[in-house]
């Protein structure tokens, strides 16, 4: 089975909702941004570029108020894992080529090529926030925290994402994705720490629904 954007509307995909679009932005798409806005975007882009290997915990609140939580792992380029503890066993894994999702409760496995998902640019070797997206708003707080609201430049009606960063020290705190129907999913990173030497097995997921054939 293939994995749709709606299947990825939680966890992993939300972090990349403002990226993964291949075409560069026309200059006119960003003309409303002030010099300060552009500087803030550059700060966020530099931070995300340096986030090459990390792990932490997350809490996710869905559009209907349902709560999910678990642990995530990141290894750029190309690899990420969301490991849910509630609901237990739910996995979303990017192995560098494909994004895969397995729900043990339903015994359903789905996948889609990484390049066809919003994850592709976020997990790319070079992260760009000035290409392929439309920045709707940059909001700054007195504390130094800021948020960036963006959407797919080619498909602006498919929804938007808000990435929220703390100020000092700079850290990605949460993201909120709004789909084309107005449903909102909020993912809070309760912890986020650099990680080295992550096991390669974290980013591998075979189809558990396949059973060996008997002769």
Foldseek 3Di string as FASTA:
>chain_A
DAADVVNVVDDPQQVLQLALAPAFDDPVLCPVDDPVRVVVQVVVQVVLLPQAWKKAKKWKAWLVRDIWIAMKIHHAQFWIKGATPVVHPWIWITLRFKIWTADVVVLDIHIDTPSVGSCNQSRHNHHDSRTQKRWPDWAADPQQKIKTKIHGPVCRLQWIKIFIWGGVVTDTAKMWIQGNVRIIMIMGGPDMDGDPDDDSVSRDDDRPSDDDDDD
